[in-house]
Amino acid sequence: MKQQIGFLLQLFVLSALPVLVVFQLIYSFRLILMPACLLAGIVVFAVGAKLRG
């Protein structure tokens, strides 16, 4: 069960971050928001990797 949750977390991050970057570039670029979301994505991806491992 933990492997499926970890996989879903990683899948969510890998699909949400590019969409967020494109949205930020097209509509509004906020200097603080994009690095903060990237850092949060890295943390969530690492948690997913730990759950899968």
PDB file of N, CA and C in Angstrom:
ATOM      1  N   MET A   1       0.817  -1.196   0.000  1.00  0.00           N
ATOM      2  CA  MET A   1       0.000   0.000   0.000  1.00  0.00           C
ATOM      3  C   MET A   1       0.864   1.265   0.000  1.00  0.00           C
ATOM      4  N   LYS A   2       1.966   1.238   0.773  1.00  0.00           N
ATOM      5  CA  LYS A   2       2.837   2.404   0.801  1.00  0.00           C
ATOM      6  C   LYS A   2       3.486   2.650  -0.556  1.00  0.00           C
ATOM      7  N   GLN A   3       3.747   1.582  -1.302  1.00  0.00           N
ATOM      8  CA  GLN A   3       4.358   1.745  -2.628  1.00  0.00           C
ATOM      9  C   GLN A   3       3.405   2.448  -3.584  1.00  0.00           C
ATOM     10  N   GLN A   4       2.113   2.133  -3.509  1.00  0.00           N
ATOM     11  CA  GLN A   4       1.146   2.788  -4.373  1.00  0.00           C
ATOM     12  C   GLN A   4       0.995   4.266  -4.018  1.00  0.00           C
ATOM     13  N   ILE A   5       0.990   4.576  -2.723  1.00  0.00           N
ATOM     14  CA  ILE A   5       0.891   5.973  -2.301  1.00  0.00           C
ATOM     15  C   ILE A   5       2.131   6.743  -2.749  1.00  0.00           C
ATOM     16  N   GLY A   6       3.301   6.143  -2.603  1.00  0.00           N
ATOM     17  CA  GLY A   6       4.530   6.783  -3.052  1.00  0.00           C
ATOM     18  C   GLY A   6       4.532   7.005  -4.547  1.00  0.00           C
ATOM     19  N   PHE A   7       4.046   6.019  -5.295  1.00  0.00           N
ATOM     20  CA  PHE A   7       3.959   6.164  -6.745  1.00  0.00           C
ATOM     21  C   PHE A   7       3.019   7.289  -7.136  1.00  0.00           C
ATOM     22  N   LEU A   8       1.869   7.360  -6.477  1.00  0.00           N
ATOM     23  CA  LEU A   8       0.901   8.415  -6.782  1.00  0.00           C
ATOM     24  C   LEU A   8       1.432   9.802  -6.424  1.00  0.00           C
ATOM     25  N   LEU A   9       2.173   9.905  -5.321  1.00  0.00           N
ATOM     26  CA  LEU A   9       2.790  11.183  -4.968  1.00  0.00           C
ATOM     27  C   LEU A   9       3.794  11.619  -6.030  1.00  0.00           C
ATOM     28  N   GLN A  10       4.633  10.683  -6.471  1.00  0.00           N
ATOM     29  CA  GLN A  10       5.614  11.014  -7.494  1.00  0.00           C
ATOM     30  C   GLN A  10       4.934  11.366  -8.815  1.00  0.00           C
ATOM     31  N   LEU A  11       3.907  10.638  -9.170  1.00  0.00           N
ATOM     32  CA  LEU A  11       3.180  10.925 -10.399  1.00  0.00           C
ATOM     33  C   LEU A  11       2.530  12.305 -10.335  1.00  0.00           C
ATOM     34  N   PHE A  12       1.978  12.648  -9.182  1.00  0.00           N
ATOM     35  CA  PHE A  12       1.364  13.961  -9.008  1.00  0.00           C
ATOM     36  C   PHE A  12       2.389  15.081  -9.186  1.00  0.00           C
ATOM     37  N   VAL A  13       3.548  14.921  -8.569  1.00  0.00           N
ATOM     38  CA  VAL A  13       4.580  15.960  -8.666  1.00  0.00           C
ATOM     39  C   VAL A  13       5.084  16.077 -10.097  1.00  0.00           C
ATOM     40  N   LEU A  14       5.327  14.947 -10.750  1.00  0.00           N
ATOM     41  CA  LEU A  14       5.863  14.983 -12.106  1.00  0.00           C
ATOM     42  C   LEU A  14       4.853  15.526 -13.117  1.00  0.00           C
ATOM     43  N   SER A  15       3.581  15.480 -12.794  1.00  0.00           N
ATOM     44  CA  SER A  15       2.591  16.054 -13.711  1.00  0.00           C
ATOM     45  C   SER A  15       2.195  17.476 -13.324  1.00  0.00           C
ATOM     46  N   ALA A  16       2.249  17.819 -12.055  1.00  0.00           N
ATOM     47  CA  ALA A  16       1.801  19.140 -11.614  1.00  0.00           C
ATOM     48  C   ALA A  16       2.859  20.224 -11.798  1.00  0.00           C
ATOM     49  N   LEU A  17       4.124  19.901 -11.596  1.00  0.00           N
ATOM     50  CA  LEU A  17       5.149  20.939 -11.682  1.00  0.00           C
ATOM     51  C   LEU A  17       5.301  21.528 -13.085  1.00  0.00           C
ATOM     52  N   PRO A  18       5.343  20.740 -14.147  1.00  0.00           N
ATOM     53  CA  PRO A  18       5.411  21.373 -15.471  1.00  0.00           C
ATOM     54  C   PRO A  18       4.189  22.226 -15.792  1.00  0.00           C
ATOM     55  N   VAL A  19       3.021  21.783 -15.360  1.00  0.00           N
ATOM     56  CA  VAL A  19       1.808  22.577 -15.585  1.00  0.00           C
ATOM     57  C   VAL A  19       1.902  23.893 -14.823  1.00  0.00           C
ATOM     58  N   LEU A  20       2.394  23.844 -13.601  1.00  0.00           N
ATOM     59  CA  LEU A  20       2.551  25.059 -12.808  1.00  0.00           C
ATOM     60  C   LEU A  20       3.549  26.020 -13.445  1.00  0.00           C
ATOM     61  N   VAL A  21       4.657  25.503 -13.949  1.00  0.00           N
ATOM     62  CA  VAL A  21       5.666  26.350 -14.581  1.00  0.00           C
ATOM     63  C   VAL A  21       5.094  27.021 -15.823  1.00  0.00           C
ATOM     64  N   VAL A  22       4.398  26.273 -16.657  1.00  0.00           N
ATOM     65  CA  VAL A  22       3.806  26.855 -17.863  1.00  0.00           C
ATOM     66  C   VAL A  22       2.762  27.895 -17.493  1.00  0.00           C
ATOM     67  N   PHE A  23       1.934  27.598 -16.509  1.00  0.00           N
ATOM     68  CA  PHE A  23       0.922  28.557 -16.065  1.00  0.00           C
ATOM     69  C   PHE A  23       1.574  29.843 -15.563  1.00  0.00           C
ATOM     70  N   GLN A  24       2.635  29.701 -14.783  1.00  0.00           N
ATOM     71  CA  GLN A  24       3.330  30.878 -14.262  1.00  0.00           C
ATOM     72  C   GLN A  24       3.940  31.703 -15.389  1.00  0.00           C
ATOM     73  N   LEU A  25       4.503  31.046 -16.386  1.00  0.00           N
ATOM     74  CA  LEU A  25       5.145  31.774 -17.477  1.00  0.00           C
ATOM     75  C   LEU A  25       4.130  32.474 -18.374  1.00  0.00           C
ATOM     76  N   ILE A  26       2.966  31.879 -18.549  1.00  0.00           N
ATOM     77  CA  ILE A  26       1.966  32.472 -19.433  1.00  0.00           C
ATOM     78  C   ILE A  26       1.202  33.601 -18.743  1.00  0.00           C
ATOM     79  N   TYR A  27       0.737  33.381 -17.519  1.00  0.00           N
ATOM     80  CA  TYR A  27      -0.185  34.324 -16.909  1.00  0.00           C
ATOM     81  C   TYR A  27       0.476  35.307 -15.954  1.00  0.00           C
ATOM     82  N   SER A  28       1.186  34.828 -14.972  1.00  0.00           N
ATOM     83  CA  SER A  28       1.784  35.762 -14.018  1.00  0.00           C
ATOM     84  C   SER A  28       3.031  35.128 -13.422  1.00  0.00           C
ATOM     85  N   PHE A  29       4.121  35.845 -13.527  1.00  0.00           N
ATOM     86  CA  PHE A  29       5.374  35.346 -12.974  1.00  0.00           C
ATOM     87  C   PHE A  29       5.604  36.014 -11.631  1.00  0.00           C
ATOM     88  N   ARG A  30       5.569  35.223 -10.585  1.00  0.00           N
ATOM     89  CA  ARG A  30       5.879  35.717  -9.243  1.00  0.00           C
ATOM     90  C   ARG A  30       7.172  35.052  -8.807  1.00  0.00           C
ATOM     91  N   LEU A  31       8.137  35.855  -8.447  1.00  0.00           N
ATOM     92  CA  LEU A  31       9.477  35.362  -8.175  1.00  0.00           C
ATOM     93  C   LEU A  31       9.528  34.430  -6.970  1.00  0.00           C
ATOM     94  N   ILE A  32       8.671  34.630  -6.002  1.00  0.00           N
ATOM     95  CA  ILE A  32       8.688  33.798  -4.797  1.00  0.00           C
ATOM     96  C   ILE A  32       7.896  32.509  -4.992  1.00  0.00           C
ATOM     97  N   LEU A  33       6.817  32.570  -5.739  1.00  0.00           N
ATOM     98  CA  LEU A  33       5.911  31.426  -5.842  1.00  0.00           C
ATOM     99  C   LEU A  33       6.538  30.238  -6.573  1.00  0.00           C
ATOM    100  N   MET A  34       7.224  30.488  -7.676  1.00  0.00           N
ATOM    101  CA  MET A  34       7.755  29.374  -8.447  1.00  0.00           C
ATOM    102  C   MET A  34       8.849  28.602  -7.685  1.00  0.00           C
ATOM    103  N   PRO A  35       9.836  29.254  -7.065  1.00  0.00           N
ATOM    104  CA  PRO A  35      10.813  28.476  -6.285  1.00  0.00           C
ATOM    105  C   PRO A  35      10.197  27.770  -5.081  1.00  0.00           C
ATOM    106  N   ALA A  36       9.197  28.392  -4.466  1.00  0.00           N
ATOM    107  CA  ALA A  36       8.548  27.756  -3.319  1.00  0.00           C
ATOM    108  C   ALA A  36       7.808  26.490  -3.749  1.00  0.00           C
ATOM    109  N   CYS A  37       7.119  26.559  -4.879  1.00  0.00           N
ATOM    110  CA  CYS A  37       6.412  25.380  -5.384  1.00  0.00           C
ATOM    111  C   CYS A  37       7.398  24.304  -5.827  1.00  0.00           C
ATOM    112  N   LEU A  38       8.513  24.708  -6.399  1.00  0.00           N
ATOM    113  CA  LEU A  38       9.536  23.750  -6.803  1.00  0.00           C
ATOM    114  C   LEU A  38      10.125  23.045  -5.589  1.00  0.00           C
ATOM    115  N   LEU A  39      10.396  23.791  -4.542  1.00  0.00           N
ATOM    116  CA  LEU A  39      10.919  23.200  -3.319  1.00  0.00           C
ATOM    117  C   LEU A  39       9.902  22.246  -2.689  1.00  0.00           C
ATOM    118  N   ALA A  40       8.638  22.647  -2.672  1.00  0.00           N
ATOM    119  CA  ALA A  40       7.586  21.765  -2.145  1.00  0.00           C
ATOM    120  C   ALA A  40       7.471  20.501  -2.998  1.00  0.00           C
ATOM    121  N   GLY A  41       7.601  20.651  -4.316  1.00  0.00           N
ATOM    122  CA  GLY A  41       7.562  19.485  -5.200  1.00  0.00           C
ATOM    123  C   GLY A  41       8.710  18.535  -4.949  1.00  0.00           C
ATOM    124  N   ILE A  42       9.889  19.080  -4.706  1.00  0.00           N
ATOM    125  CA  ILE A  42      11.050  18.232  -4.411  1.00  0.00           C
ATOM    126  C   ILE A  42      10.837  17.463  -3.117  1.00  0.00           C
ATOM    127  N   VAL A  43      10.282  18.128  -2.117  1.00  0.00           N
ATOM    128  CA  VAL A  43      10.027  17.465  -0.838  1.00  0.00           C
ATOM    129  C   VAL A  43       8.987  16.360  -0.997  1.00  0.00           C
ATOM    130  N   VAL A  44       7.899  16.648  -1.700  1.00  0.00           N
ATOM    131  CA  VAL A  44       6.850  15.632  -1.900  1.00  0.00           C
ATOM    132  C   VAL A  44       7.388  14.465  -2.727  1.00  0.00           C
ATOM    133  N   PHE A  45       8.213  14.757  -3.742  1.00  0.00           N
ATOM    134  CA  PHE A  45       8.804  13.696  -4.548  1.00  0.00           C
ATOM    135  C   PHE A  45       9.721  12.820  -3.696  1.00  0.00           C
ATOM    136  N   ALA A  46      10.503  13.441  -2.807  1.00  0.00           N
ATOM    137  CA  ALA A  46      11.393  12.681  -1.934  1.00  0.00           C
ATOM    138  C   ALA A  46      10.599  11.800  -0.971  1.00  0.00           C
ATOM    139  N   VAL A  47       9.492  12.320  -0.456  1.00  0.00           N
ATOM    140  CA  VAL A  47       8.637  11.512   0.433  1.00  0.00           C
ATOM    141  C   VAL A  47       8.070  10.328  -0.342  1.00  0.00           C
ATOM    142  N   GLY A  48       7.637  10.566  -1.594  1.00  0.00           N
ATOM    143  CA  GLY A  48       7.142   9.471  -2.405  1.00  0.00           C
ATOM    144  C   GLY A  48       8.203   8.433  -2.692  1.00  0.00           C
ATOM    145  N   ALA A  49       9.438   8.887  -2.927  1.00  0.00           N
ATOM    146  CA  ALA A  49      10.528   7.943  -3.171  1.00  0.00           C
ATOM    147  C   ALA A  49      10.839   7.124  -1.929  1.00  0.00           C
ATOM    148  N   LYS A  50      10.765   7.771  -0.753  1.00  0.00           N
ATOM    149  CA  LYS A  50      11.017   7.048   0.490  1.00  0.00           C
ATOM    150  C   LYS A  50       9.913   6.027   0.753  1.00  0.00           C
ATOM    151  N   LEU A  51       8.679   6.368   0.426  1.00  0.00           N
ATOM    152  CA  LEU A  51       7.580   5.421   0.618  1.00  0.00           C
ATOM    153  C   LEU A  51       7.706   4.230  -0.341  1.00  0.00           C
ATOM    154  N   ARG A  52       8.214   4.477  -1.534  1.00  0.00           N
ATOM    155  CA  ARG A  52       8.358   3.377  -2.489  1.00  0.00           C
ATOM    156  C   ARG A  52       9.527   2.475  -2.141  1.00  0.00           C
ATOM    157  N   GLY A  53      10.537   3.032  -1.461  1.00  0.00           N
ATOM    158  CA  GLY A  53      11.770   2.296  -1.200  1.00  0.00           C
ATOM    159  C   GLY A  53      11.733   1.374  -0.038  1.00  0.00           C
TER     160      GLY A  53
END
